[in-house]
Amino acid sequence: MGENWPLLIAAAVSASALGITAAVIAFKAGKPGVGALFVLYVLGTNILPPLAAQPDQSAELQWAEQLTNSVVQFCFLLGALWLREYLPTKAKAGQEAGVLK
């Protein structure tokens, strides 16, 4: 497991940065529920590396890892779907400005 630590740390830091950025956007947009989804995503993402680093992987621990990962990814999905609707795309912004018909 020692050689995988740098990758686990990089993945956790990157996912945390993404989740924190998305949470800030959601909170600034006045959507605290969506921001909470991203906060759960960040917390869950940071719980996973220590679980994966356990030397003796029991069936219960593996189930806990998979359930945590599923919940974390579902929180991210729901939050990302909302952000997709909230953030203007170039085409949507052009239609609103009357540029595209």
PDB file of N, CA and C in Angstrom:
ATOM      1  N   MET A   1       0.819  -1.194   0.000  1.00  0.00           N
ATOM      2  CA  MET A   1       0.000   0.000   0.000  1.00  0.00           C
ATOM      3  C   MET A   1       0.860   1.253   0.000  1.00  0.00           C
ATOM      4  N   GLY A   2       2.122   1.148   0.390  1.00  0.00           N
ATOM      5  CA  GLY A   2       2.990   2.305   0.501  1.00  0.00           C
ATOM      6  C   GLY A   2       3.182   3.051  -0.801  1.00  0.00           C
ATOM      7  N   GLU A   3       3.307   2.325  -1.925  1.00  0.00           N
ATOM      8  CA  GLU A   3       3.533   3.003  -3.194  1.00  0.00           C
ATOM      9  C   GLU A   3       2.276   3.680  -3.739  1.00  0.00           C
ATOM     10  N   ASN A   4       1.111   3.326  -3.229  1.00  0.00           N
ATOM     11  CA  ASN A   4      -0.145   3.933  -3.686  1.00  0.00           C
ATOM     12  C   ASN A   4      -0.531   5.187  -2.911  1.00  0.00           C
ATOM     13  N   TRP A   5       0.125   5.463  -1.800  1.00  0.00           N
ATOM     14  CA  TRP A   5      -0.245   6.620  -0.978  1.00  0.00           C
ATOM     15  C   TRP A   5      -0.202   7.940  -1.733  1.00  0.00           C
ATOM     16  N   PRO A   6       0.835   8.193  -2.541  1.00  0.00           N
ATOM     17  CA  PRO A   6       0.832   9.473  -3.265  1.00  0.00           C
ATOM     18  C   PRO A   6      -0.383   9.637  -4.179  1.00  0.00           C
ATOM     19  N   LEU A   7      -0.780   8.554  -4.829  1.00  0.00           N
ATOM     20  CA  LEU A   7      -1.958   8.626  -5.701  1.00  0.00           C
ATOM     21  C   LEU A   7      -3.240   8.827  -4.895  1.00  0.00           C
ATOM     22  N   LEU A   8      -3.352   8.136  -3.766  1.00  0.00           N
ATOM     23  CA  LEU A   8      -4.530   8.311  -2.925  1.00  0.00           C
ATOM     24  C   LEU A   8      -4.622   9.742  -2.391  1.00  0.00           C
ATOM     25  N   ILE A   9      -3.490  10.291  -1.996  1.00  0.00           N
ATOM     26  CA  ILE A   9      -3.474  11.659  -1.482  1.00  0.00           C
ATOM     27  C   ILE A   9      -3.831  12.645  -2.593  1.00  0.00           C
ATOM     28  N   ALA A  10      -3.245  12.466  -3.774  1.00  0.00           N
ATOM     29  CA  ALA A  10      -3.537  13.356  -4.900  1.00  0.00           C
ATOM     30  C   ALA A  10      -5.013  13.288  -5.288  1.00  0.00           C
ATOM     31  N   ALA A  11      -5.576  12.089  -5.300  1.00  0.00           N
ATOM     32  CA  ALA A  11      -6.990  11.936  -5.642  1.00  0.00           C
ATOM     33  C   ALA A  11      -7.878  12.596  -4.600  1.00  0.00           C
ATOM     34  N   ALA A  12      -7.570  12.417  -3.327  1.00  0.00           N
ATOM     35  CA  ALA A  12      -8.378  13.013  -2.266  1.00  0.00           C
ATOM     36  C   ALA A  12      -8.285  14.538  -2.289  1.00  0.00           C
ATOM     37  N   VAL A  13      -7.083  15.068  -2.512  1.00  0.00           N
ATOM     38  CA  VAL A  13      -6.912  16.530  -2.556  1.00  0.00           C
ATOM     39  C   VAL A  13      -7.647  17.118  -3.756  1.00  0.00           C
ATOM     40  N   SER A  14      -7.524  16.490  -4.908  1.00  0.00           N
ATOM     41  CA  SER A  14      -8.193  16.986  -6.116  1.00  0.00           C
ATOM     42  C   SER A  14      -9.714  16.920  -5.980  1.00  0.00           C
ATOM     43  N   ALA A  15     -10.217  15.810  -5.478  1.00  0.00           N
ATOM     44  CA  ALA A  15     -11.660  15.672  -5.293  1.00  0.00           C
ATOM     45  C   ALA A  15     -12.170  16.664  -4.255  1.00  0.00           C
ATOM     46  N   SER A  16     -11.376  16.894  -3.226  1.00  0.00           N
ATOM     47  CA  SER A  16     -11.772  17.869  -2.203  1.00  0.00           C
ATOM     48  C   SER A  16     -11.822  19.277  -2.780  1.00  0.00           C
ATOM     49  N   ALA A  17     -10.830  19.624  -3.591  1.00  0.00           N
ATOM     50  CA  ALA A  17     -10.813  20.955  -4.212  1.00  0.00           C
ATOM     51  C   ALA A  17     -12.027  21.142  -5.117  1.00  0.00           C
ATOM     52  N   LEU A  18     -12.365  20.123  -5.893  1.00  0.00           N
ATOM     53  CA  LEU A  18     -13.531  20.188  -6.758  1.00  0.00           C
ATOM     54  C   LEU A  18     -14.813  20.331  -5.935  1.00  0.00           C
ATOM     55  N   GLY A  19     -14.936  19.522  -4.892  1.00  0.00           N
ATOM     56  CA  GLY A  19     -16.136  19.571  -4.054  1.00  0.00           C
ATOM     57  C   GLY A  19     -16.285  20.891  -3.325  1.00  0.00           C
ATOM     58  N   ILE A  20     -15.181  21.433  -2.822  1.00  0.00           N
ATOM     59  CA  ILE A  20     -15.238  22.716  -2.111  1.00  0.00           C
ATOM     60  C   ILE A  20     -15.612  23.830  -3.078  1.00  0.00           C
ATOM     61  N   THR A  21     -15.040  23.812  -4.279  1.00  0.00           N
ATOM     62  CA  THR A  21     -15.383  24.821  -5.283  1.00  0.00           C
ATOM     63  C   THR A  21     -16.864  24.759  -5.629  1.00  0.00           C
ATOM     64  N   ALA A  22     -17.372  23.556  -5.854  1.00  0.00           N
ATOM     65  CA  ALA A  22     -18.786  23.394  -6.183  1.00  0.00           C
ATOM     66  C   ALA A  22     -19.678  23.803  -5.016  1.00  0.00           C
ATOM     67  N   ALA A  23     -19.276  23.499  -3.783  1.00  0.00           N
ATOM     68  CA  ALA A  23     -20.061  23.902  -2.610  1.00  0.00           C
ATOM     69  C   ALA A  23     -20.117  25.411  -2.488  1.00  0.00           C
ATOM     70  N   VAL A  24     -18.999  26.081  -2.717  1.00  0.00           N
ATOM     71  CA  VAL A  24     -18.974  27.546  -2.647  1.00  0.00           C
ATOM     72  C   VAL A  24     -19.913  28.138  -3.692  1.00  0.00           C
ATOM     73  N   ILE A  25     -19.887  27.599  -4.910  1.00  0.00           N
ATOM     74  CA  ILE A  25     -20.791  28.082  -5.960  1.00  0.00           C
ATOM     75  C   ILE A  25     -22.242  27.902  -5.541  1.00  0.00           C
ATOM     76  N   ALA A  26     -22.553  26.738  -4.990  1.00  0.00           N
ATOM     77  CA  ALA A  26     -23.934  26.458  -4.580  1.00  0.00           C
ATOM     78  C   ALA A  26     -24.370  27.371  -3.441  1.00  0.00           C
ATOM     79  N   PHE A  27     -23.517  27.560  -2.439  1.00  0.00           N
ATOM     80  CA  PHE A  27     -23.889  28.429  -1.325  1.00  0.00           C
ATOM     81  C   PHE A  27     -24.043  29.869  -1.782  1.00  0.00           C
ATOM     82  N   LYS A  28     -23.162  30.330  -2.671  1.00  0.00           N
ATOM     83  CA  LYS A  28     -23.274  31.698  -3.189  1.00  0.00           C
ATOM     84  C   LYS A  28     -24.534  31.889  -4.022  1.00  0.00           C
ATOM     85  N   ALA A  29     -24.999  30.813  -4.648  1.00  0.00           N
ATOM     86  CA  ALA A  29     -26.212  30.879  -5.452  1.00  0.00           C
ATOM     87  C   ALA A  29     -27.469  30.800  -4.597  1.00  0.00           C
ATOM     88  N   GLY A  30     -27.295  30.666  -3.294  1.00  0.00           N
ATOM     89  CA  GLY A  30     -28.448  30.596  -2.400  1.00  0.00           C
ATOM     90  C   GLY A  30     -29.093  29.225  -2.336  1.00  0.00           C
ATOM     91  N   LYS A  31     -28.325  28.198  -2.619  1.00  0.00           N
ATOM     92  CA  LYS A  31     -28.834  26.818  -2.579  1.00  0.00           C
ATOM     93  C   LYS A  31     -28.073  26.027  -1.525  1.00  0.00           C
ATOM     94  N   PRO A  32     -28.426  26.205  -0.241  1.00  0.00           N
ATOM     95  CA  PRO A  32     -27.679  25.514   0.812  1.00  0.00           C
ATOM     96  C   PRO A  32     -27.832  23.994   0.767  1.00  0.00           C
ATOM     97  N   GLY A  33     -28.941  23.506   0.281  1.00  0.00           N
ATOM     98  CA  GLY A  33     -29.128  22.060   0.182  1.00  0.00           C
ATOM     99  C   GLY A  33     -28.153  21.436  -0.800  1.00  0.00           C
ATOM    100  N   VAL A  34     -27.945  22.113  -1.912  1.00  0.00           N
ATOM    101  CA  VAL A  34     -26.991  21.629  -2.910  1.00  0.00           C
ATOM    102  C   VAL A  34     -25.572  21.752  -2.362  1.00  0.00           C
ATOM    103  N   GLY A  35     -25.296  22.850  -1.656  1.00  0.00           N
ATOM    104  CA  GLY A  35     -23.987  23.010  -1.031  1.00  0.00           C
ATOM    105  C   GLY A  35     -23.721  21.897  -0.031  1.00  0.00           C
ATOM    106  N   ALA A  36     -24.754  21.495   0.706  1.00  0.00           N
ATOM    107  CA  ALA A  36     -24.605  20.407   1.676  1.00  0.00           C
ATOM    108  C   ALA A  36     -24.276  19.085   0.974  1.00  0.00           C
ATOM    109  N   LEU A  37     -24.837  18.869  -0.222  1.00  0.00           N
ATOM    110  CA  LEU A  37     -24.500  17.654  -0.983  1.00  0.00           C
ATOM    111  C   LEU A  37     -23.007  17.615  -1.293  1.00  0.00           C
ATOM    112  N   PHE A  38     -22.458  18.766  -1.675  1.00  0.00           N
ATOM    113  CA  PHE A  38     -21.030  18.803  -1.985  1.00  0.00           C
ATOM    114  C   PHE A  38     -20.173  18.700  -0.727  1.00  0.00           C
ATOM    115  N   VAL A  39     -20.664  19.215   0.390  1.00  0.00           N
ATOM    116  CA  VAL A  39     -19.938  19.044   1.655  1.00  0.00           C
ATOM    117  C   VAL A  39     -19.890  17.562   2.025  1.00  0.00           C
ATOM    118  N   LEU A  40     -21.010  16.864   1.865  1.00  0.00           N
ATOM    119  CA  LEU A  40     -21.024  15.415   2.115  1.00  0.00           C
ATOM    120  C   LEU A  40     -20.074  14.695   1.166  1.00  0.00           C
ATOM    121  N   TYR A  41     -20.027  15.150  -0.067  1.00  0.00           N
ATOM    122  CA  TYR A  41     -19.108  14.569  -1.047  1.00  0.00           C
ATOM    123  C   TYR A  41     -17.658  14.716  -0.576  1.00  0.00           C
ATOM    124  N   VAL A  42     -17.302  15.902  -0.108  1.00  0.00           N
ATOM    125  CA  VAL A  42     -15.930  16.141   0.355  1.00  0.00           C
ATOM    126  C   VAL A  42     -15.619  15.282   1.575  1.00  0.00           C
ATOM    127  N   LEU A  43     -16.530  15.250   2.524  1.00  0.00           N
ATOM    128  CA  LEU A  43     -16.300  14.436   3.731  1.00  0.00           C
ATOM    129  C   LEU A  43     -16.165  12.958   3.388  1.00  0.00           C
ATOM    130  N   GLY A  44     -17.071  12.457   2.571  1.00  0.00           N
ATOM    131  CA  GLY A  44     -17.027  11.048   2.196  1.00  0.00           C
ATOM    132  C   GLY A  44     -15.784  10.695   1.407  1.00  0.00           C
ATOM    133  N   THR A  45     -15.370  11.603   0.532  1.00  0.00           N
ATOM    134  CA  THR A  45     -14.166  11.376  -0.262  1.00  0.00           C
ATOM    135  C   THR A  45     -12.939  11.265   0.628  1.00  0.00           C
ATOM    136  N   ASN A  46     -12.923  12.021   1.707  1.00  0.00           N
ATOM    137  CA  ASN A  46     -11.772  11.976   2.607  1.00  0.00           C
ATOM    138  C   ASN A  46     -11.833  10.829   3.606  1.00  0.00           C
ATOM    139  N   ILE A  47     -12.966  10.187   3.706  1.00  0.00           N
ATOM    140  CA  ILE A  47     -13.094   9.001   4.554  1.00  0.00           C
ATOM    141  C   ILE A  47     -12.585   7.756   3.801  1.00  0.00           C
ATOM    142  N   LEU A  48     -12.717   7.760   2.486  1.00  0.00           N
ATOM    143  CA  LEU A  48     -12.389   6.562   1.704  1.00  0.00           C
ATOM    144  C   LEU A  48     -10.913   6.149   1.729  1.00  0.00           C
ATOM    145  N   PRO A  49      -9.937   7.051   1.569  1.00  0.00           N
ATOM    146  CA  PRO A  49      -8.536   6.581   1.577  1.00  0.00           C
ATOM    147  C   PRO A  49      -8.114   5.849   2.854  1.00  0.00           C
ATOM    148  N   PRO A  50      -8.470   6.347   4.056  1.00  0.00           N
ATOM    149  CA  PRO A  50      -8.091   5.568   5.237  1.00  0.00           C
ATOM    150  C   PRO A  50      -8.770   4.191   5.293  1.00  0.00           C
ATOM    151  N   LEU A  51      -9.994   4.114   4.786  1.00  0.00           N
ATOM    152  CA  LEU A  51     -10.657   2.808   4.748  1.00  0.00           C
ATOM    153  C   LEU A  51      -9.924   1.865   3.793  1.00  0.00           C
ATOM    154  N   ALA A  52      -9.521   2.386   2.639  1.00  0.00           N
ATOM    155  CA  ALA A  52      -8.834   1.552   1.649  1.00  0.00           C
ATOM    156  C   ALA A  52      -7.451   1.127   2.125  1.00  0.00           C
ATOM    157  N   ALA A  53      -6.862   1.887   3.035  1.00  0.00           N
ATOM    158  CA  ALA A  53      -5.501   1.588   3.502  1.00  0.00           C
ATOM    159  C   ALA A  53      -5.468   0.532   4.602  1.00  0.00           C
ATOM    160  N   GLN A  54      -6.603   0.077   5.064  1.00  0.00           N
ATOM    161  CA  GLN A  54      -6.633  -0.934   6.109  1.00  0.00           C
ATOM    162  C   GLN A  54      -6.004  -2.226   5.595  1.00  0.00           C
ATOM    163  N   PRO A  55      -5.080  -2.807   6.347  1.00  0.00           N
ATOM    164  CA  PRO A  55      -4.389  -4.003   5.854  1.00  0.00           C
ATOM    165  C   PRO A  55      -5.290  -5.235   5.756  1.00  0.00           C
ATOM    166  N   ASP A  56      -6.167  -5.417   6.711  1.00  0.00           N
ATOM    167  CA  ASP A  56      -7.053  -6.584   6.698  1.00  0.00           C
ATOM    168  C   ASP A  56      -8.440  -6.133   6.248  1.00  0.00           C
ATOM    169  N   GLN A  57      -8.766  -6.455   5.019  1.00  0.00           N
ATOM    170  CA  GLN A  57     -10.032  -6.034   4.431  1.00  0.00           C
ATOM    171  C   GLN A  57     -11.101  -7.108   4.671  1.00  0.00           C
ATOM    172  N   SER A  58     -11.912  -6.888   5.694  1.00  0.00           N
ATOM    173  CA  SER A  58     -13.011  -7.811   5.954  1.00  0.00           C
ATOM    174  C   SER A  58     -14.155  -7.506   4.989  1.00  0.00           C
ATOM    175  N   ALA A  59     -15.087  -8.415   4.899  1.00  0.00           N
ATOM    176  CA  ALA A  59     -16.254  -8.201   4.039  1.00  0.00           C
ATOM    177  C   ALA A  59     -17.054  -6.991   4.519  1.00  0.00           C
ATOM    178  N   GLU A  60     -17.146  -6.818   5.839  1.00  0.00           N
ATOM    179  CA  GLU A  60     -17.886  -5.678   6.385  1.00  0.00           C
ATOM    180  C   GLU A  60     -17.226  -4.355   6.001  1.00  0.00           C
ATOM    181  N   LEU A  61     -15.902  -4.316   6.058  1.00  0.00           N
ATOM    182  CA  LEU A  61     -15.179  -3.102   5.691  1.00  0.00           C
ATOM    183  C   LEU A  61     -15.346  -2.807   4.205  1.00  0.00           C
ATOM    184  N   GLN A  62     -15.298  -3.827   3.379  1.00  0.00           N
ATOM    185  CA  GLN A  62     -15.479  -3.614   1.951  1.00  0.00           C
ATOM    186  C   GLN A  62     -16.886  -3.115   1.631  1.00  0.00           C
ATOM    187  N   TRP A  63     -17.886  -3.643   2.337  1.00  0.00           N
ATOM    188  CA  TRP A  63     -19.249  -3.151   2.162  1.00  0.00           C
ATOM    189  C   TRP A  63     -19.353  -1.694   2.604  1.00  0.00           C
ATOM    190  N   ALA A  64     -18.718  -1.361   3.714  1.00  0.00           N
ATOM    191  CA  ALA A  64     -18.734   0.025   4.181  1.00  0.00           C
ATOM    192  C   ALA A  64     -18.081   0.949   3.157  1.00  0.00           C
ATOM    193  N   GLU A  65     -16.966   0.516   2.577  1.00  0.00           N
ATOM    194  CA  GLU A  65     -16.298   1.317   1.549  1.00  0.00           C
ATOM    195  C   GLU A  65     -17.204   1.517   0.338  1.00  0.00           C
ATOM    196  N   GLN A  66     -17.814   0.450  -0.126  1.00  0.00           N
ATOM    197  CA  GLN A  66     -18.655   0.546  -1.326  1.00  0.00           C
ATOM    198  C   GLN A  66     -19.912   1.381  -1.073  1.00  0.00           C
ATOM    199  N   LEU A  67     -20.518   1.219   0.090  1.00  0.00           N
ATOM    200  CA  LEU A  67     -21.702   2.029   0.401  1.00  0.00           C
ATOM    201  C   LEU A  67     -21.341   3.507   0.556  1.00  0.00           C
ATOM    202  N   THR A  68     -20.217   3.765   1.205  1.00  0.00           N
ATOM    203  CA  THR A  68     -19.755   5.151   1.340  1.00  0.00           C
ATOM    204  C   THR A  68     -19.486   5.743  -0.033  1.00  0.00           C
ATOM    205  N   ASN A  69     -18.802   5.013  -0.872  1.00  0.00           N
ATOM    206  CA  ASN A  69     -18.508   5.492  -2.218  1.00  0.00           C
ATOM    207  C   ASN A  69     -19.787   5.740  -3.009  1.00  0.00           C
ATOM    208  N   SER A  70     -20.761   4.859  -2.896  1.00  0.00           N
ATOM    209  CA  SER A  70     -22.023   5.030  -3.621  1.00  0.00           C
ATOM    210  C   SER A  70     -22.759   6.282  -3.165  1.00  0.00           C
ATOM    211  N   VAL A  71     -22.833   6.499  -1.865  1.00  0.00           N
ATOM    212  CA  VAL A  71     -23.514   7.684  -1.333  1.00  0.00           C
ATOM    213  C   VAL A  71     -22.783   8.952  -1.755  1.00  0.00           C
ATOM    214  N   VAL A  72     -21.457   8.926  -1.670  1.00  0.00           N
ATOM    215  CA  VAL A  72     -20.636  10.084  -2.042  1.00  0.00           C
ATOM    216  C   VAL A  72     -20.834  10.421  -3.523  1.00  0.00           C
ATOM    217  N   GLN A  73     -20.792   9.419  -4.375  1.00  0.00           N
ATOM    218  CA  GLN A  73     -20.960   9.664  -5.804  1.00  0.00           C
ATOM    219  C   GLN A  73     -22.374  10.126  -6.136  1.00  0.00           C
ATOM    220  N   PHE A  74     -23.367   9.632  -5.416  1.00  0.00           N
ATOM    221  CA  PHE A  74     -24.745  10.066  -5.633  1.00  0.00           C
ATOM    222  C   PHE A  74     -24.919  11.531  -5.231  1.00  0.00           C
ATOM    223  N   CYS A  75     -24.294  11.928  -4.131  1.00  0.00           N
ATOM    224  CA  CYS A  75     -24.328  13.342  -3.725  1.00  0.00           C
ATOM    225  C   CYS A  75     -23.702  14.221  -4.801  1.00  0.00           C
ATOM    226  N   PHE A  76     -22.577  13.777  -5.340  1.00  0.00           N
ATOM    227  CA  PHE A  76     -21.928  14.551  -6.400  1.00  0.00           C
ATOM    228  C   PHE A  76     -22.810  14.628  -7.641  1.00  0.00           C
ATOM    229  N   LEU A  77     -23.429  13.520  -8.020  1.00  0.00           N
ATOM    230  CA  LEU A  77     -24.308  13.498  -9.190  1.00  0.00           C
ATOM    231  C   LEU A  77     -25.456  14.493  -9.039  1.00  0.00           C
ATOM    232  N   LEU A  78     -26.139  14.432  -7.902  1.00  0.00           N
ATOM    233  CA  LEU A  78     -27.267  15.337  -7.690  1.00  0.00           C
ATOM    234  C   LEU A  78     -26.822  16.799  -7.715  1.00  0.00           C
ATOM    235  N   GLY A  79     -25.728  17.082  -7.052  1.00  0.00           N
ATOM    236  CA  GLY A  79     -25.219  18.449  -7.035  1.00  0.00           C
ATOM    237  C   GLY A  79     -24.785  18.915  -8.413  1.00  0.00           C
ATOM    238  N   ALA A  80     -24.106  18.039  -9.159  1.00  0.00           N
ATOM    239  CA  ALA A  80     -23.638  18.401 -10.495  1.00  0.00           C
ATOM    240  C   ALA A  80     -24.802  18.626 -11.451  1.00  0.00           C
ATOM    241  N   LEU A  81     -25.841  17.821 -11.337  1.00  0.00           N
ATOM    242  CA  LEU A  81     -27.016  18.027 -12.179  1.00  0.00           C
ATOM    243  C   LEU A  81     -27.660  19.383 -11.896  1.00  0.00           C
ATOM    244  N   TRP A  82     -27.712  19.772 -10.635  1.00  0.00           N
ATOM    245  CA  TRP A  82     -28.264  21.080 -10.318  1.00  0.00           C
ATOM    246  C   TRP A  82     -27.363  22.181 -10.864  1.00  0.00           C
ATOM    247  N   LEU A  83     -26.067  22.044 -10.701  1.00  0.00           N
ATOM    248  CA  LEU A  83     -25.148  23.075 -11.201  1.00  0.00           C
ATOM    249  C   LEU A  83     -25.239  23.200 -12.715  1.00  0.00           C
ATOM    250  N   ARG A  84     -25.441  22.091 -13.393  1.00  0.00           N
ATOM    251  CA  ARG A  84     -25.586  22.134 -14.849  1.00  0.00           C
ATOM    252  C   ARG A  84     -26.780  22.986 -15.248  1.00  0.00           C
ATOM    253  N   GLU A  85     -27.849  22.897 -14.492  1.00  0.00           N
ATOM    254  CA  GLU A  85     -29.038  23.697 -14.772  1.00  0.00           C
ATOM    255  C   GLU A  85     -28.851  25.155 -14.354  1.00  0.00           C
ATOM    256  N   TYR A  86     -28.060  25.374 -13.325  1.00  0.00           N
ATOM    257  CA  TYR A  86     -27.892  26.715 -12.780  1.00  0.00           C
ATOM    258  C   TYR A  86     -26.900  27.543 -13.583  1.00  0.00           C
ATOM    259  N   LEU A  87     -25.761  26.958 -13.924  1.00  0.00           N
ATOM    260  CA  LEU A  87     -24.709  27.695 -14.613  1.00  0.00           C
ATOM    261  C   LEU A  87     -25.077  27.886 -16.080  1.00  0.00           C
ATOM    262  N   PRO A  88     -24.977  29.103 -16.575  1.00  0.00           N
ATOM    263  CA  PRO A  88     -25.341  29.325 -17.986  1.00  0.00           C
ATOM    264  C   PRO A  88     -24.284  28.757 -18.929  1.00  0.00           C
ATOM    265  N   THR A  89     -24.757  28.129 -19.975  1.00  0.00           N
ATOM    266  CA  THR A  89     -23.849  27.683 -21.027  1.00  0.00           C
ATOM    267  C   THR A  89     -23.747  28.793 -22.055  1.00  0.00           C
ATOM    268  N   LYS A  90     -22.810  28.688 -22.961  1.00  0.00           N
ATOM    269  CA  LYS A  90     -22.659  29.721 -23.983  1.00  0.00           C
ATOM    270  C   LYS A  90     -23.926  29.840 -24.835  1.00  0.00           C
ATOM    271  N   ALA A  91     -24.502  28.701 -25.213  1.00  0.00           N
ATOM    272  CA  ALA A  91     -25.713  28.731 -26.040  1.00  0.00           C
ATOM    273  C   ALA A  91     -26.881  29.342 -25.273  1.00  0.00           C
ATOM    274  N   LYS A  92     -27.027  28.953 -24.005  1.00  0.00           N
ATOM    275  CA  LYS A  92     -28.118  29.479 -23.194  1.00  0.00           C
ATOM    276  C   LYS A  92     -27.944  30.979 -22.977  1.00  0.00           C
ATOM    277  N   ALA A  93     -26.720  31.422 -22.712  1.00  0.00           N
ATOM    278  CA  ALA A  93     -26.455  32.845 -22.516  1.00  0.00           C
ATOM    279  C   ALA A  93     -26.709  33.622 -23.801  1.00  0.00           C
ATOM    280  N   GLY A  94     -26.376  33.037 -24.955  1.00  0.00           N
ATOM    281  CA  GLY A  94     -26.618  33.706 -26.234  1.00  0.00           C
ATOM    282  C   GLY A  94     -28.097  33.840 -26.531  1.00  0.00           C
ATOM    283  N   GLN A  95     -28.876  32.824 -26.194  1.00  0.00           N
ATOM    284  CA  GLN A  95     -30.331  32.886 -26.402  1.00  0.00           C
ATOM    285  C   GLN A  95     -30.943  33.961 -25.534  1.00  0.00           C
ATOM    286  N   GLU A  96     -30.495  34.057 -24.305  1.00  0.00           N
ATOM    287  CA  GLU A  96     -31.033  35.069 -23.397  1.00  0.00           C
ATOM    288  C   GLU A  96     -30.671  36.477 -23.855  1.00  0.00           C
ATOM    289  N   ALA A  97     -29.528  36.625 -24.503  1.00  0.00           N
ATOM    290  CA  ALA A  97     -29.111  37.932 -24.993  1.00  0.00           C
ATOM    291  C   ALA A  97     -29.724  38.255 -26.349  1.00  0.00           C
ATOM    292  N   GLY A  98     -30.431  37.299 -26.948  1.00  0.00           N
ATOM    293  CA  GLY A  98     -31.062  37.518 -28.238  1.00  0.00           C
ATOM    294  C   GLY A  98     -30.146  37.296 -29.427  1.00  0.00           C
ATOM    295  N   VAL A  99     -28.957  36.707 -29.168  1.00  0.00           N
ATOM    296  CA  VAL A  99     -27.998  36.491 -30.235  1.00  0.00           C
ATOM    297  C   VAL A  99     -28.374  35.257 -31.054  1.00  0.00           C
ATOM    298  N   LEU A 100     -28.726  34.190 -30.382  1.00  0.00           N
ATOM    299  CA  LEU A 100     -29.108  32.949 -31.061  1.00  0.00           C
ATOM    300  C   LEU A 100     -30.608  32.809 -31.098  1.00  0.00           C
ATOM    301  N   LYS A 101     -31.114  32.336 -32.183  1.00  0.00           N
ATOM    302  CA  LYS A 101     -32.559  32.126 -32.304  1.00  0.00           C
ATOM    303  C   LYS A 101     -32.846  30.661 -32.460  1.00  0.00           C
TER     304      LYS A 101
END
